[in-house]
Amino acid sequence: MNIQSLPLEFELAASQIAAQHYNAARYKLISTISSNSINIEFQGYFTEKFDPRNRPEPNPTDKFYRNEKIDFTLFYSYNRLSLSGRWRSAILSVEYTANNGYTWINEDGEEITRPYPDGEKFEIIMAQLYPLLQQYFTF
């Protein structure tokens, strides 16, 4: 694998998938790609409706619009997908493999049951991103 940055089509599709599940939000993707894995930080931003002539900041990814509460991180390698993000006051992760399905882990590394109600949202995001990752990245 010799990709240095995310393909534009992938970035657009992944951003749209995340935004479908977080209304009034858009994402900026920051990636680190190696020969055997990819790590993508999804940075969340509010999408307030401002009059274009009277917008507080012209850059939509300015820190003025930042919403860190909806940030999450994706890790993908050898058909293993992991998402981590904040859930209330904790950081939770969910891992997915085709053989084992979903496994939820808390910040102490202990296996837990799916958190309600956001756990289902993360699993849906993963189910939509997994085939997209397989299409663009072969490790």
C-alpha atoms as a PDB file:
ATOM      1  CA  MET A   1       0.000   0.000   0.000  1.00  0.00           C
ATOM      2  CA  ASN A   2       1.453   3.311  -1.072  1.00  0.00           C
ATOM      3  CA  ILE A   3      -1.250   5.879  -0.284  1.00  0.00           C
ATOM      4  CA  GLN A   4      -0.030   9.072   1.388  1.00  0.00           C
ATOM      5  CA  SER A   5      -3.406  10.739   1.959  1.00  0.00           C
ATOM      6  CA  LEU A   6      -7.071   9.827   1.925  1.00  0.00           C
ATOM      7  CA  PRO A   7      -8.637   9.542  -1.533  1.00  0.00           C
ATOM      8  CA  LEU A   8     -11.055  12.443  -1.973  1.00  0.00           C
ATOM      9  CA  GLU A   9     -13.985  10.120  -2.775  1.00  0.00           C
ATOM     10  CA  PHE A  10     -13.341   8.154   0.426  1.00  0.00           C
ATOM     11  CA  GLU A  11     -13.047  11.306   2.552  1.00  0.00           C
ATOM     12  CA  LEU A  12     -16.308  12.694   1.197  1.00  0.00           C
ATOM     13  CA  ALA A  13     -18.199   9.409   1.690  1.00  0.00           C
ATOM     14  CA  ALA A  14     -16.816   8.867   5.228  1.00  0.00           C
ATOM     15  CA  SER A  15     -17.660  12.463   6.238  1.00  0.00           C
ATOM     16  CA  GLN A  16     -21.198  12.059   4.916  1.00  0.00           C
ATOM     17  CA  ILE A  17     -21.677   8.793   6.829  1.00  0.00           C
ATOM     18  CA  ALA A  18     -20.613  10.430  10.101  1.00  0.00           C
ATOM     19  CA  ALA A  19     -22.729  13.546   9.480  1.00  0.00           C
ATOM     20  CA  GLN A  20     -25.845  11.401   8.843  1.00  0.00           C
ATOM     21  CA  HIS A  21     -25.738  10.273  12.466  1.00  0.00           C
ATOM     22  CA  TYR A  22     -24.880  13.608  14.079  1.00  0.00           C
ATOM     23  CA  ASN A  23     -27.371  16.227  12.930  1.00  0.00           C
ATOM     24  CA  ALA A  24     -26.080  19.787  12.528  1.00  0.00           C
ATOM     25  CA  ALA A  25     -22.484  18.539  12.384  1.00  0.00           C
ATOM     26  CA  ARG A  26     -19.761  18.234   9.807  1.00  0.00           C
ATOM     27  CA  TYR A  27     -16.419  16.499  10.075  1.00  0.00           C
ATOM     28  CA  LYS A  28     -12.833  17.271   9.211  1.00  0.00           C
ATOM     29  CA  LEU A  29     -10.804  14.077   8.745  1.00  0.00           C
ATOM     30  CA  ILE A  30      -7.167  13.912   9.811  1.00  0.00           C
ATOM     31  CA  SER A  31      -5.431  10.700   8.793  1.00  0.00           C
ATOM     32  CA  THR A  32      -2.246   8.778   9.422  1.00  0.00           C
ATOM     33  CA  ILE A  33      -1.647   6.028   6.877  1.00  0.00           C
ATOM     34  CA  SER A  34       1.060   3.377   7.198  1.00  0.00           C
ATOM     35  CA  SER A  35       1.837   0.270   5.189  1.00  0.00           C
ATOM     36  CA  ASN A  36      -0.471  -1.887   7.336  1.00  0.00           C
ATOM     37  CA  SER A  37      -3.029   0.423   8.967  1.00  0.00           C
ATOM     38  CA  ILE A  38      -4.938   3.666   8.838  1.00  0.00           C
ATOM     39  CA  ASN A  39      -5.915   5.939  11.692  1.00  0.00           C
ATOM     40  CA  ILE A  40      -8.478   8.691  11.074  1.00  0.00           C
ATOM     41  CA  GLU A  41      -9.529  11.357  13.545  1.00  0.00           C
ATOM     42  CA  PHE A  42     -13.030  12.664  12.839  1.00  0.00           C
ATOM     43  CA  GLN A  43     -13.053  16.223  14.210  1.00  0.00           C
ATOM     44  CA  GLY A  44     -16.577  17.534  14.719  1.00  0.00           C
ATOM     45  CA  TYR A  45     -17.797  21.017  13.804  1.00  0.00           C
ATOM     46  CA  PHE A  46     -21.166  22.710  14.220  1.00  0.00           C
ATOM     47  CA  THR A  47     -22.961  23.742  11.029  1.00  0.00           C
ATOM     48  CA  GLU A  48     -24.919  26.757  12.134  1.00  0.00           C
ATOM     49  CA  LYS A  49     -26.910  28.627   9.526  1.00  0.00           C
ATOM     50  CA  PHE A  50     -25.343  32.076   9.313  1.00  0.00           C
ATOM     51  CA  ASP A  51     -26.034  34.770   6.769  1.00  0.00           C
ATOM     52  CA  PRO A  52     -23.007  34.514   4.425  1.00  0.00           C
ATOM     53  CA  ARG A  53     -22.509  38.287   4.701  1.00  0.00           C
ATOM     54  CA  ASN A  54     -22.600  38.199   8.505  1.00  0.00           C
ATOM     55  CA  ARG A  55     -20.777  35.041   9.514  1.00  0.00           C
ATOM     56  CA  PRO A  56     -18.626  35.220  12.691  1.00  0.00           C
ATOM     57  CA  GLU A  57     -15.770  33.296  11.040  1.00  0.00           C
ATOM     58  CA  PRO A  58     -15.530  32.658   7.276  1.00  0.00           C
ATOM     59  CA  ASN A  59     -13.595  29.380   7.644  1.00  0.00           C
ATOM     60  CA  PRO A  60     -16.071  26.548   8.491  1.00  0.00           C
ATOM     61  CA  THR A  61     -13.273  24.598  10.257  1.00  0.00           C
ATOM     62  CA  ASP A  62     -12.287  27.502  12.507  1.00  0.00           C
ATOM     63  CA  LYS A  63     -12.105  26.723  16.236  1.00  0.00           C
ATOM     64  CA  PHE A  64     -15.175  28.974  16.674  1.00  0.00           C
ATOM     65  CA  TYR A  65     -17.293  26.146  15.177  1.00  0.00           C
ATOM     66  CA  ARG A  66     -15.506  23.257  16.931  1.00  0.00           C
ATOM     67  CA  ASN A  67     -17.606  20.608  18.757  1.00  0.00           C
ATOM     68  CA  GLU A  68     -15.194  18.229  20.508  1.00  0.00           C
ATOM     69  CA  LYS A  69     -18.056  16.272  22.093  1.00  0.00           C
ATOM     70  CA  ILE A  70     -18.745  14.502  18.792  1.00  0.00           C
ATOM     71  CA  ASP A  71     -15.128  13.673  17.887  1.00  0.00           C
ATOM     72  CA  PHE A  72     -14.199  10.060  17.346  1.00  0.00           C
ATOM     73  CA  THR A  73     -11.235   8.083  16.074  1.00  0.00           C
ATOM     74  CA  LEU A  74     -11.202   5.213  13.598  1.00  0.00           C
ATOM     75  CA  PHE A  75      -8.479   2.569  13.325  1.00  0.00           C
ATOM     76  CA  TYR A  76      -8.459   0.006  10.496  1.00  0.00           C
ATOM     77  CA  SER A  77      -5.967  -2.790   9.828  1.00  0.00           C
ATOM     78  CA  TYR A  78      -6.239  -6.305   8.395  1.00  0.00           C
ATOM     79  CA  ASN A  79     -10.064  -6.251   8.290  1.00  0.00           C
ATOM     80  CA  ARG A  80     -10.270  -5.135  11.931  1.00  0.00           C
ATOM     81  CA  LEU A  81     -12.090  -1.876  12.566  1.00  0.00           C
ATOM     82  CA  SER A  82     -12.110   0.075  15.813  1.00  0.00           C
ATOM     83  CA  LEU A  83     -13.939   3.289  16.751  1.00  0.00           C
ATOM     84  CA  SER A  84     -13.286   5.251  19.936  1.00  0.00           C
ATOM     85  CA  GLY A  85     -15.087   8.292  21.230  1.00  0.00           C
ATOM     86  CA  ARG A  86     -16.578  10.061  24.205  1.00  0.00           C
ATOM     87  CA  TRP A  87     -19.757   8.744  25.671  1.00  0.00           C
ATOM     88  CA  ARG A  88     -21.039  10.957  28.451  1.00  0.00           C
ATOM     89  CA  SER A  89     -17.967  11.268  30.715  1.00  0.00           C
ATOM     90  CA  ALA A  90     -16.080   8.172  29.530  1.00  0.00           C
ATOM     91  CA  ILE A  91     -14.137   7.132  26.456  1.00  0.00           C
ATOM     92  CA  LEU A  92     -15.501   3.944  24.927  1.00  0.00           C
ATOM     93  CA  SER A  93     -14.302   1.829  22.034  1.00  0.00           C
ATOM     94  CA  VAL A  94     -15.992  -0.698  19.838  1.00  0.00           C
ATOM     95  CA  GLU A  95     -14.101  -3.194  17.711  1.00  0.00           C
ATOM     96  CA  TYR A  96     -15.464  -5.066  14.736  1.00  0.00           C
ATOM     97  CA  THR A  97     -14.172  -8.083  12.857  1.00  0.00           C
ATOM     98  CA  ALA A  98     -16.139 -10.174  10.391  1.00  0.00           C
ATOM     99  CA  ASN A  99     -15.558 -13.300  12.512  1.00  0.00           C
ATOM    100  CA  ASN A 100     -16.353 -11.893  15.977  1.00  0.00           C
ATOM    101  CA  GLY A 101     -18.822  -9.066  15.301  1.00  0.00           C
ATOM    102  CA  TYR A 102     -18.861  -6.126  17.742  1.00  0.00           C
ATOM    103  CA  THR A 103     -16.972  -5.955  21.042  1.00  0.00           C
ATOM    104  CA  TRP A 104     -17.385  -2.934  23.350  1.00  0.00           C
ATOM    105  CA  ILE A 105     -14.528  -1.896  25.653  1.00  0.00           C
ATOM    106  CA  ASN A 106     -14.401   0.817  28.321  1.00  0.00           C
ATOM    107  CA  GLU A 107     -11.417   3.079  29.002  1.00  0.00           C
ATOM    108  CA  ASP A 108     -10.029   0.528  31.484  1.00  0.00           C
ATOM    109  CA  GLY A 109      -9.896  -2.135  28.753  1.00  0.00           C
ATOM    110  CA  GLU A 110     -12.800  -4.130  30.179  1.00  0.00           C
ATOM    111  CA  GLU A 111     -15.423  -5.654  27.903  1.00  0.00           C
ATOM    112  CA  ILE A 112     -18.854  -4.071  28.421  1.00  0.00           C
ATOM    113  CA  THR A 113     -22.355  -4.264  26.958  1.00  0.00           C
ATOM    114  CA  ARG A 114     -23.350  -1.835  24.221  1.00  0.00           C
ATOM    115  CA  PRO A 115     -24.051   1.616  25.739  1.00  0.00           C
ATOM    116  CA  TYR A 116     -27.532   3.003  25.225  1.00  0.00           C
ATOM    117  CA  PRO A 117     -28.493   4.894  23.046  1.00  0.00           C
ATOM    118  CA  ASP A 118     -25.274   5.894  21.257  1.00  0.00           C
ATOM    119  CA  GLY A 119     -23.813   2.401  20.959  1.00  0.00           C
ATOM    120  CA  GLU A 120     -26.175   1.491  18.172  1.00  0.00           C
ATOM    121  CA  LYS A 121     -25.207   4.691  16.325  1.00  0.00           C
ATOM    122  CA  PHE A 122     -21.495   3.746  16.428  1.00  0.00           C
ATOM    123  CA  GLU A 123     -22.272   0.216  15.211  1.00  0.00           C
ATOM    124  CA  ILE A 124     -24.265   1.599  12.265  1.00  0.00           C
ATOM    125  CA  ILE A 125     -21.430   3.997  11.385  1.00  0.00           C
ATOM    126  CA  MET A 126     -18.993   1.076  11.497  1.00  0.00           C
ATOM    127  CA  ALA A 127     -21.221  -1.113   9.320  1.00  0.00           C
ATOM    128  CA  GLN A 128     -21.310   1.658   6.714  1.00  0.00           C
ATOM    129  CA  LEU A 129     -17.575   2.461   6.888  1.00  0.00           C
ATOM    130  CA  TYR A 130     -16.289  -1.136   6.866  1.00  0.00           C
ATOM    131  CA  PRO A 131     -17.029  -1.916   3.171  1.00  0.00           C
ATOM    132  CA  LEU A 132     -15.781   1.532   2.193  1.00  0.00           C
ATOM    133  CA  LEU A 133     -12.469   0.884   3.980  1.00  0.00           C
ATOM    134  CA  GLN A 134     -12.166  -2.532   2.339  1.00  0.00           C
ATOM    135  CA  GLN A 135     -12.725  -0.921  -1.053  1.00  0.00           C
ATOM    136  CA  TYR A 136      -9.971   1.701  -0.673  1.00  0.00           C
ATOM    137  CA  PHE A 137      -7.439   0.066   1.666  1.00  0.00           C
ATOM    138  CA  THR A 138      -6.037  -3.456   1.371  1.00  0.00           C
ATOM    139  CA  PHE A 139      -3.689  -4.451   4.167  1.00  0.00           C
END
